[in-house]
Protein backbone atom coordinates (compact mmCIF):
# COMPACT_ATOMS: atom_id res chain seq x y z
CA MET A 1 23.26 32.43 -5.09
CA LYS A 2 19.68 32.18 -5.85
CA ASN A 3 19.78 28.37 -6.07
CA SER A 4 21.41 28.25 -2.46
CA LEU A 5 18.61 30.35 -0.94
CA ILE A 6 16.02 28.03 -2.39
CA ALA A 7 17.91 25.26 -1.22
CA LEU A 8 18.35 26.92 2.31
CA SER A 9 14.45 27.68 2.20
CA ARG A 10 13.73 24.10 1.58
CA ASP A 11 16.16 22.89 4.47
CA ALA A 12 14.00 25.34 6.71
CA LEU A 13 10.64 24.09 5.79
CA GLY A 14 12.11 20.50 6.21
CA SER A 15 13.47 21.52 9.62
CA LEU A 16 10.29 23.18 10.56
CA ARG A 17 8.13 20.08 9.48
CA ASP A 18 10.49 17.65 11.50
CA LEU A 19 10.26 19.97 14.56
CA THR A 20 6.61 20.56 14.57
CA PRO A 21 5.32 16.94 15.67
CA ILE A 22 8.02 17.21 18.68
CA VAL A 23 6.59 20.56 19.78
CA LEU A 24 2.83 19.53 19.43
CA VAL A 25 3.72 16.42 21.65
CA ILE A 26 5.22 18.32 24.29
CA GLY A 27 2.41 21.15 24.19
CA VAL A 28 -0.31 18.41 24.46
CA PHE A 29 1.24 16.66 27.43
CA GLN A 30 2.06 19.82 29.15
CA ILE A 31 -1.41 21.30 28.70
CA TRP A 32 -4.16 18.44 28.83
CA VAL A 33 -1.82 15.59 30.70
CA ILE A 34 0.53 17.45 33.38
CA LYS A 35 -1.86 20.58 33.28
CA GLN A 36 0.73 22.73 34.31
CA PRO A 37 1.23 26.53 33.06
CA VAL A 38 4.01 26.97 30.85
CA SER A 39 6.65 29.13 32.44
CA GLY A 40 8.95 31.41 30.31
CA PHE A 41 6.74 31.02 27.17
CA VAL A 42 8.83 33.65 25.10
CA SER A 43 12.26 32.10 25.84
CA LEU A 44 10.89 28.77 25.06
CA ILE A 45 9.53 30.21 21.60
CA PHE A 46 12.99 32.01 21.10
CA GLY A 47 14.97 28.99 21.96
CA ALA A 48 12.60 26.81 19.52
CA LEU A 49 13.48 29.36 16.72
CA LEU A 50 17.35 29.21 17.36
CA VAL A 51 16.87 25.27 17.33
CA LEU A 52 15.08 25.67 14.03
CA ALA A 53 17.81 28.11 12.61
CA GLY A 54 20.68 25.92 13.79
CA LEU A 55 19.07 22.60 12.41
CA THR A 56 18.59 24.34 9.11
CA PHE A 57 21.92 25.68 8.64
CA PHE A 58 23.38 22.55 9.85
CA ILE A 59 21.56 20.34 7.29
CA PHE A 60 22.25 23.04 4.62
CA GLY A 61 26.22 22.85 5.32
CA LEU A 62 26.28 19.24 5.32
CA ARG A 63 24.70 18.96 1.99
CA LEU A 64 26.70 21.77 0.59
CA ALA A 65 30.38 20.85 1.67
CA LEU A 66 30.86 17.54 3.96
CA PHE A 67 28.76 15.16 2.06
CA PRO A 68 30.37 16.04 -1.46
CA ILE A 69 33.57 16.21 0.19
CA GLY A 70 33.40 12.55 1.70
CA GLU A 71 31.86 11.24 -1.41
CA ASN A 72 34.51 12.84 -3.88
CA LEU A 73 37.53 11.62 -1.37
CA ALA A 74 36.16 7.98 -1.40
CA HIS A 75 35.84 8.25 -5.18
CA SER A 76 39.30 9.40 -5.87
CA LEU A 77 40.97 7.34 -3.33
CA ALA A 78 39.37 4.24 -4.80
CA LYS A 79 40.28 5.48 -8.50
CA LYS A 80 44.03 6.09 -7.28
CA GLY A 81 43.91 2.36 -6.17
CA SER A 82 45.63 2.99 -2.78
CA ALA A 83 44.07 0.90 -0.38
CA PHE A 84 46.24 2.15 2.49
CA TRP A 85 45.03 5.58 1.96
CA LEU A 86 41.35 4.34 1.72
CA PHE A 87 41.31 2.82 4.76
CA ALA A 88 43.43 5.59 6.65
CA PHE A 89 40.87 7.87 5.41
CA ALA A 90 37.81 5.65 6.70
CA PHE A 91 39.41 5.11 10.14
CA VAL A 92 40.13 8.89 10.70
CA LEU A 93 36.66 9.95 9.40
CA GLY A 94 35.14 7.54 11.91
CA PHE A 95 37.29 8.10 14.67
CA GLY A 96 37.51 12.21 14.16
CA THR A 97 33.62 12.47 13.69
CA THR A 98 32.71 10.33 16.68
CA ILE A 99 35.16 11.67 19.31
CA ALA A 100 33.81 15.36 18.82
CA GLU A 101 30.06 14.03 18.69
CA PRO A 102 28.07 16.27 21.17
CA ALA A 103 25.95 13.27 22.05
CA LEU A 104 28.63 11.17 22.81
CA LEU A 105 30.01 13.82 25.22
CA ALA A 106 26.97 13.97 27.11
CA VAL A 107 26.35 10.18 27.37
CA ALA A 108 30.04 9.59 28.55
CA ALA A 109 29.79 12.43 31.31
CA GLU A 110 26.60 10.97 32.55
CA ALA A 111 27.97 7.54 32.51
CA ALA A 112 31.03 8.72 34.90
CA ALA A 113 28.46 10.07 37.20
CA VAL A 114 26.62 6.89 37.08
CA ALA A 115 29.85 5.01 37.75
CA VAL A 116 30.90 7.05 40.74
CA ASP A 117 27.34 6.22 42.24
CA ALA A 118 27.97 2.44 41.56
CA GLY A 119 31.27 2.45 43.20
CA ALA A 120 32.97 1.79 39.93
CA ILE A 121 35.26 4.72 39.85
CA ALA A 122 36.44 7.18 42.73
CA ALA A 123 34.46 10.31 43.44
CA THR A 124 36.77 12.67 42.16
CA ASP A 125 36.60 15.14 39.25
CA GLU A 126 39.86 13.51 37.67
CA ALA A 127 38.54 9.95 38.11
CA LYS A 128 35.19 11.05 36.39
CA ALA A 129 36.92 12.87 33.48
CA ASN A 130 39.34 9.82 32.99
CA TYR A 131 36.48 7.66 32.83
CA ALA A 132 34.43 10.04 30.24
CA LEU A 133 37.55 10.45 28.23
CA GLY A 134 38.39 6.48 28.06
CA LEU A 135 34.49 6.00 27.15
CA ARG A 136 34.64 8.40 24.07
CA LEU A 137 38.20 7.00 22.98
CA VAL A 138 36.60 3.60 22.77
CA VAL A 139 33.57 4.39 20.88
CA ALA A 140 35.42 6.76 18.70
CA LEU A 141 38.22 3.82 18.16
CA SER A 142 35.38 1.23 17.67
CA VAL A 143 33.57 3.34 14.71
CA GLY A 144 36.84 3.93 13.29
CA VAL A 145 37.29 0.01 13.27
CA ALA A 146 33.73 -0.16 12.02
CA LEU A 147 34.38 1.78 8.92
CA LEU A 148 37.56 -0.54 8.22
CA ILE A 149 35.05 -3.40 8.36
CA GLY A 150 32.64 -1.77 6.20
CA VAL A 151 34.85 -0.40 3.57
CA SER A 152 36.62 -4.15 3.42
CA ARG A 153 33.11 -5.56 3.11
CA ILE A 154 32.55 -3.13 0.04
CA LEU A 155 35.74 -4.02 -1.64
CA ALA A 156 35.33 -7.81 -1.01
CA ASN A 157 31.92 -8.00 -1.56
CA TRP A 158 30.92 -9.63 1.52
CA SER A 159 27.53 -10.48 2.63
CA LEU A 160 26.30 -7.61 5.06
CA PRO A 161 23.46 -9.75 6.51
CA VAL A 162 25.98 -12.58 7.50
CA MET A 163 28.31 -10.18 9.19
CA ILE A 164 25.62 -8.00 10.94
CA ILE A 165 24.02 -11.22 12.48
CA GLY A 166 27.60 -12.40 13.44
CA GLY A 167 28.39 -9.22 15.10
CA TYR A 168 25.12 -9.24 17.15
CA ILE A 169 26.04 -12.78 18.27
CA LEU A 170 29.37 -11.54 19.66
CA VAL A 171 27.50 -8.62 21.25
CA VAL A 172 24.94 -11.04 23.07
CA LEU A 173 28.11 -13.02 24.20
CA ALA A 174 29.84 -9.90 25.46
CA THR A 175 26.60 -8.91 27.37
CA THR A 176 26.64 -12.10 29.35
CA ILE A 177 30.14 -11.41 31.08
CA ALA A 178 30.16 -7.56 31.19
CA PRO A 179 29.24 -5.81 34.39
CA SER A 180 25.71 -5.05 34.66
CA GLU A 181 26.27 -1.26 35.01
CA ILE A 182 28.02 -1.01 31.87
CA VAL A 183 25.49 -2.73 29.73
CA GLY A 184 22.99 0.11 29.32
CA VAL A 185 25.87 2.58 28.63
CA ALA A 186 27.18 0.29 25.99
CA TYR A 187 23.89 -0.13 24.16
CA ASP A 188 23.11 3.54 24.22
CA SER A 189 26.84 4.09 22.63
CA GLY A 190 25.70 2.37 19.71
CA GLY A 191 22.70 5.07 19.13
CA VAL A 192 24.99 8.04 19.88
CA THR A 193 26.97 7.44 16.71
CA THR A 194 23.99 7.62 14.32
CA SER A 195 23.80 11.31 14.67
CA THR A 196 23.59 14.17 12.12
CA VAL A 197 27.36 14.68 11.90
CA THR A 198 28.52 10.83 11.41
CA VAL A 199 25.68 9.50 9.26
CA PRO A 200 26.17 11.75 6.32
CA LEU A 201 29.86 11.57 6.19
CA VAL A 202 29.79 7.64 6.68
CA THR A 203 26.94 7.21 4.14
CA ALA A 204 28.89 9.46 1.66
CA LEU A 205 32.09 7.47 2.14
CA GLY A 206 30.06 4.14 1.41
CA VAL A 207 28.18 5.49 -1.57
CA GLY A 208 31.35 7.19 -3.02
CA LEU A 209 33.16 3.98 -2.86
CA ALA A 210 30.72 1.85 -4.30
CA SER A 211 29.85 4.12 -7.16
CA SER A 212 33.46 4.16 -8.01
CA LEU A 213 34.22 0.52 -8.04
CA LYS A 214 33.39 -1.67 -11.27
CA GLY A 215 30.43 -4.23 -10.70
CA ARG A 216 28.98 -2.56 -7.63
CA ASN A 217 26.00 -0.49 -7.11
CA ALA A 218 25.64 2.44 -4.91
CA MET A 219 22.45 1.51 -3.81
CA THR A 220 23.01 -2.03 -2.87
CA ASP A 221 26.73 -1.96 -1.83
CA GLY A 222 26.89 1.68 -0.66
CA PHE A 223 25.07 1.47 2.47
CA GLY A 224 25.54 -0.65 5.49
CA LEU A 225 28.38 1.18 7.05
CA ILE A 226 25.91 2.77 9.66
CA ALA A 227 25.00 -0.63 10.74
CA PHE A 228 28.64 -1.46 11.63
CA ALA A 229 29.06 2.21 13.20
CA SER A 230 26.11 1.20 15.63
CA LEU A 231 27.09 -2.34 16.17
CA THR A 232 30.82 -2.15 17.21
CA PRO A 233 30.80 0.50 20.07
CA ILE A 234 28.26 -1.72 21.93
CA LEU A 235 30.72 -4.58 21.50
CA PHE A 236 33.76 -2.27 22.38
CA VAL A 237 32.10 -0.52 25.21
CA LEU A 238 30.94 -3.79 26.94
CA LEU A 239 34.37 -5.47 26.53
CA TYR A 240 35.99 -2.01 28.04
CA GLY A 241 33.61 -2.43 30.94
CA THR A 242 34.79 -6.07 31.47
CA ILE A 243 38.47 -5.38 31.24
CA LEU A 244 37.93 -2.39 33.72
CA GLU A 245 36.41 -4.85 36.22
CA TRP A 246 39.19 -7.41 35.90
CA ILE A 247 41.53 -4.65 36.25
């Protein structure tokens, strides 16, 4: 119990350290640049404290449970020698963590509203909901595929730089044929996957898998999955927008 409280205190100090520069920058611009009084000061302070507490408990929970679970499952599946269940776990992990990602929910909803303004979809709630859901499913599917590729790379010891460069060449080619209104959404979709939910679990999968394989190094071979998880959503969303335009 004592060790848990010490770890929680350290996470709280770390969260405070990370949030302080953001608060200072906003305060400086509010006071010296915009030069407007801060309304609802008490509410702002209370909200900042809630953010601090939420971030602290979230990081503490990830380190306490989710990160070890991901690493142990990858380690156990690799030792068991079941490629099917290892790949199934990787895909479900990528798909499940991404489909529920709050940042992706926000981006998908905003993209649906922009699509209405651009005339790409009908201006109805059902059309916007379907468009947002389709975008979320495409991004989640792409992250699942990314983890399959990443796990295959670790198992086969493929070159990470070559695969990343090849992936971005495909992204550039897809950008040239994709409709202009989907390009920005696609590139932002690659960013929303690198969140506080997806990153720890995906990293745990790679490190756990690499550390359990003979001849692999957890530091050099266990990382790189996040790069795939950021790249594939861009490519998939570009293709998704292109297919919708053709239909």
